[in-house]
Amino acid sequence: MDGKTRIEDKVLEYTLFQLGLFVDYLTFPRESTKHLRLSETPFDFANRRAIVIDDSDDDRVTLTSVDDLAQVVALAINFEAEWPVVGGIRDSDISIGQLMSLGEKACGDLPFHVEKFKAENLENGNWWTSWLPKADHPAIPREQLEGFSKIGVAGILLDISSNAFTALDEWNPLLPDLSTSSLKWRAFWLQHGAVSLNEVIDKQGREC
């Protein structure tokens, strides 16, 4: 029996977990999980600033937490029915415009400083900002950090514009015991504002 036949007979079952963007990144610089090395993103809630593509308010991103992913993996291991090949995990699906509004409400209705660029400028590297989210990682030499960071920011924003950070929900209806968290965070931020946002983030408190 060749490999193709074995796969068609489903001797080997697999699923590709897809989750969008980890909502934990939005808590930077405060740690919200021990299982992910956080770094800056173009959406800086702590300093009320963001970098976006011009006319991208309707672009969407799926937010899922690290804890959500861990929970799905644990439940999937014991899932007796057939796994979906495309294994989307979707908690909170939000537009860039809504994300900016959420950030402002979370920080006591204080406005964000938003810098906008054309997609073609991000593609050709012809853009500069008042701040640059750092892709800080031990594998990146310090002298190359700015270059890597600029490429990373452009890549994230262009990927969002092409729906690369959106996910479907193939796993959600299959796991009735799944209790996701990012939507709870979102509701909590909107309801309680800046101080409570920081209590949610790291229990230590840090005013926006």
Protein backbone atom coordinates (compact mmCIF):
# COMPACT_ATOMS: atom_id res chain seq x y z
CA MET A 1 0.00 0.00 0.00
CA ASP A 2 1.54 3.31 -1.05
CA GLY A 3 1.51 6.51 0.97
CA LYS A 4 -1.30 8.11 -1.05
CA THR A 5 -3.58 5.13 -0.47
CA ARG A 6 -2.80 5.12 3.24
CA ILE A 7 -3.70 8.81 3.53
CA GLU A 8 -6.89 8.31 1.51
CA ASP A 9 -7.80 5.45 3.87
CA LYS A 10 -7.15 7.85 6.77
CA VAL A 11 -4.57 5.70 8.48
CA LEU A 12 -3.00 9.01 9.50
CA GLU A 13 -5.47 11.57 10.82
CA TYR A 14 -4.45 15.19 11.29
CA THR A 15 -5.80 18.69 11.78
CA LEU A 16 -4.31 22.09 11.06
CA PHE A 17 -5.11 24.42 13.94
CA GLN A 18 -5.79 27.96 12.70
CA LEU A 19 -6.43 30.75 15.17
CA GLY A 20 -5.76 34.24 13.79
CA LEU A 21 -3.81 36.48 16.20
CA PHE A 22 -3.03 35.73 19.83
CA VAL A 23 -4.90 38.35 21.87
CA ASP A 24 -2.13 38.02 24.48
CA TYR A 25 0.09 40.21 22.29
CA LEU A 26 -2.20 43.16 23.07
CA THR A 27 -1.13 43.06 26.73
CA PHE A 28 2.52 43.83 25.91
CA PRO A 29 4.70 44.78 27.81
CA ARG A 30 2.86 42.95 30.60
CA GLU A 31 2.92 39.17 30.47
CA SER A 32 -0.48 37.52 30.17
CA THR A 33 0.81 34.01 29.50
CA LYS A 34 3.86 31.94 30.35
CA HIS A 35 3.71 30.02 27.09
CA LEU A 36 4.36 32.76 24.53
CA ARG A 37 7.21 35.21 24.22
CA LEU A 38 5.40 38.51 23.78
CA SER A 39 6.72 41.30 21.60
CA GLU A 40 5.45 44.61 20.31
CA THR A 41 2.83 44.70 17.57
CA PRO A 42 1.47 47.57 15.48
CA PHE A 43 -1.33 47.84 18.06
CA ASP A 44 0.15 49.31 21.25
CA PHE A 45 -2.60 49.52 23.87
CA ALA A 46 -0.19 50.48 26.66
CA ASN A 47 0.91 53.67 24.88
CA ARG A 48 -2.33 54.32 22.95
CA ARG A 49 -0.84 54.20 19.49
CA ALA A 50 -1.11 52.10 16.35
CA ILE A 51 0.22 51.64 12.83
CA VAL A 52 -2.35 50.62 10.21
CA ILE A 53 -2.91 50.50 6.47
CA ASP A 54 -4.90 53.42 5.10
CA ASP A 55 -8.62 52.63 4.66
CA SER A 56 -8.27 49.39 6.64
CA ASP A 57 -11.03 50.01 9.20
CA ASP A 58 -13.08 47.13 7.80
CA ASP A 59 -10.20 44.63 7.63
CA ARG A 60 -10.79 41.87 10.16
CA VAL A 61 -8.70 39.80 12.54
CA THR A 62 -9.61 36.80 14.69
CA LEU A 63 -8.47 37.06 18.32
CA THR A 64 -7.68 33.87 20.23
CA SER A 65 -5.70 33.47 23.44
CA VAL A 66 -2.89 31.03 24.14
CA ASP A 67 -5.10 29.46 26.79
CA ASP A 68 -7.82 28.96 24.18
CA LEU A 69 -5.41 27.08 21.91
CA ALA A 70 -4.14 24.91 24.76
CA GLN A 71 -7.70 24.06 25.73
CA VAL A 72 -8.65 23.10 22.16
CA VAL A 73 -5.58 20.89 21.75
CA ALA A 74 -6.30 19.11 25.04
CA LEU A 75 -9.95 18.54 24.12
CA ALA A 76 -9.07 17.48 20.57
CA ILE A 77 -6.78 14.71 21.82
CA ASN A 78 -9.78 13.03 23.44
CA PHE A 79 -12.20 13.87 20.62
CA GLU A 80 -13.44 10.53 19.29
CA ALA A 81 -15.07 11.64 16.03
CA GLU A 82 -13.19 12.59 12.87
CA TRP A 83 -10.91 15.61 13.12
CA PRO A 84 -11.53 18.47 10.67
CA VAL A 85 -8.52 18.85 8.36
CA VAL A 86 -8.86 22.64 8.53
CA GLY A 87 -9.13 23.21 12.27
CA GLY A 88 -10.21 26.80 12.76
CA ILE A 89 -10.54 28.18 16.30
CA ARG A 90 -12.49 31.41 16.47
CA ASP A 91 -13.31 33.37 19.58
CA SER A 92 -13.60 37.09 18.87
CA ASP A 93 -13.71 38.32 15.28
CA ILE A 94 -13.11 42.07 15.13
CA SER A 95 -12.39 44.77 12.55
CA ILE A 96 -9.37 47.06 12.76
CA GLY A 97 -11.71 49.99 13.33
CA GLN A 98 -13.39 48.15 16.19
CA LEU A 99 -10.00 47.19 17.62
CA MET A 100 -8.94 50.84 17.70
CA SER A 101 -12.24 51.80 19.33
CA LEU A 102 -11.79 49.02 21.87
CA GLY A 103 -8.31 50.29 22.71
CA GLU A 104 -9.60 53.82 23.27
CA LYS A 105 -12.43 52.64 25.51
CA ALA A 106 -10.06 50.38 27.42
CA CYS A 107 -7.84 53.36 28.12
CA GLY A 108 -10.58 55.58 29.50
CA ASP A 109 -11.84 56.92 26.15
CA LEU A 110 -8.47 58.52 25.46
CA PRO A 111 -7.69 58.77 21.73
CA PHE A 112 -5.07 56.62 20.02
CA HIS A 113 -2.33 58.14 17.89
CA VAL A 114 -2.80 56.23 14.63
CA GLU A 115 -0.28 56.41 11.78
CA LYS A 116 -1.57 55.24 8.38
CA PHE A 117 0.26 54.11 5.27
CA LYS A 118 -0.59 52.91 1.79
CA ALA A 119 -0.15 49.18 1.24
CA GLU A 120 2.28 49.79 -1.62
CA ASN A 121 4.55 51.81 0.68
CA LEU A 122 4.66 48.94 3.15
CA GLU A 123 5.42 46.52 0.32
CA ASN A 124 8.39 48.52 -0.96
CA GLY A 125 9.69 49.59 2.46
CA ASN A 126 9.08 53.27 1.76
CA TRP A 127 7.56 54.19 5.12
CA TRP A 128 8.69 55.71 8.41
CA THR A 129 6.91 56.14 11.72
CA SER A 130 7.44 58.00 14.97
CA TRP A 131 7.88 54.58 16.64
CA LEU A 132 8.71 51.08 15.47
CA PRO A 133 7.43 47.93 17.21
CA LYS A 134 10.51 45.85 17.97
CA ALA A 135 10.65 42.19 16.95
CA ASP A 136 12.77 41.47 20.01
CA HIS A 137 13.99 37.87 19.92
CA PRO A 138 17.29 36.23 20.97
CA ALA A 139 17.73 34.84 17.45
CA ILE A 140 17.82 38.33 15.90
CA PRO A 141 21.21 40.10 16.10
CA ARG A 142 20.90 43.52 17.72
CA GLU A 143 22.38 45.26 14.69
CA GLN A 144 19.65 43.73 12.49
CA LEU A 145 16.75 44.36 14.87
CA GLU A 146 15.41 47.51 13.20
CA GLY A 147 15.43 45.94 9.75
CA PHE A 148 13.70 42.77 10.95
CA SER A 149 11.18 44.83 12.90
CA LYS A 150 10.24 46.96 9.91
CA ILE A 151 9.76 43.88 7.74
CA GLY A 152 7.71 42.25 10.48
CA VAL A 153 5.36 45.20 10.94
CA ALA A 154 4.75 45.47 7.20
CA GLY A 155 4.17 41.72 7.00
CA ILE A 156 1.60 41.73 9.81
CA LEU A 157 -0.37 44.63 8.34
CA LEU A 158 -0.31 43.25 4.80
CA ASP A 159 -1.33 39.81 6.06
CA ILE A 160 -4.27 41.34 7.93
CA SER A 161 -5.36 43.13 4.75
CA SER A 162 -5.33 39.78 2.89
CA ASN A 163 -7.37 38.03 5.64
CA ALA A 164 -4.43 35.88 6.74
CA PHE A 165 -5.28 36.59 10.40
CA THR A 166 -8.90 35.48 10.17
CA ALA A 167 -9.99 31.96 11.07
CA LEU A 168 -13.15 29.93 10.74
CA ASP A 169 -14.62 27.96 13.63
CA GLU A 170 -14.44 24.30 12.61
CA TRP A 171 -13.43 23.19 16.12
CA ASN A 172 -15.77 25.41 18.15
CA PRO A 173 -19.06 23.54 17.51
CA LEU A 174 -17.32 20.18 17.95
CA LEU A 175 -16.19 20.99 21.50
CA PRO A 176 -19.18 21.95 23.67
CA ASP A 177 -16.96 22.11 26.76
CA LEU A 178 -14.74 24.78 25.18
CA SER A 179 -14.81 28.05 27.12
CA THR A 180 -12.88 30.72 25.22
CA SER A 181 -11.46 33.81 26.85
CA SER A 182 -10.74 36.65 24.43
CA LEU A 183 -14.38 37.65 24.03
CA LYS A 184 -14.60 37.82 27.82
CA TRP A 185 -11.58 40.12 27.81
CA ARG A 186 -13.21 42.30 25.18
CA ALA A 187 -16.47 42.60 27.12
CA PHE A 188 -14.58 43.30 30.33
CA TRP A 189 -12.51 46.05 28.71
CA LEU A 190 -15.58 47.74 27.27
CA GLN A 191 -17.48 47.52 30.54
CA HIS A 192 -14.85 48.52 33.07
CA GLY A 193 -12.30 50.75 31.32
CA ALA A 194 -8.61 51.36 31.90
CA VAL A 195 -8.00 50.29 35.49
CA SER A 196 -9.92 47.06 35.17
CA LEU A 197 -8.28 46.40 31.80
CA ASN A 198 -4.94 46.33 33.51
CA GLU A 199 -6.29 44.15 36.29
CA VAL A 200 -7.33 41.68 33.62
CA ILE A 201 -3.97 41.91 31.91
CA ASP A 202 -1.67 41.10 34.80
CA LYS A 203 -3.33 41.63 38.21
CA GLN A 204 -0.71 44.27 39.00
CA GLY A 205 -2.40 47.34 37.53
CA ARG A 206 -0.79 49.74 35.13
CA GLU A 207 -2.57 52.89 34.00
CA CYS A 208 -2.76 53.42 30.25
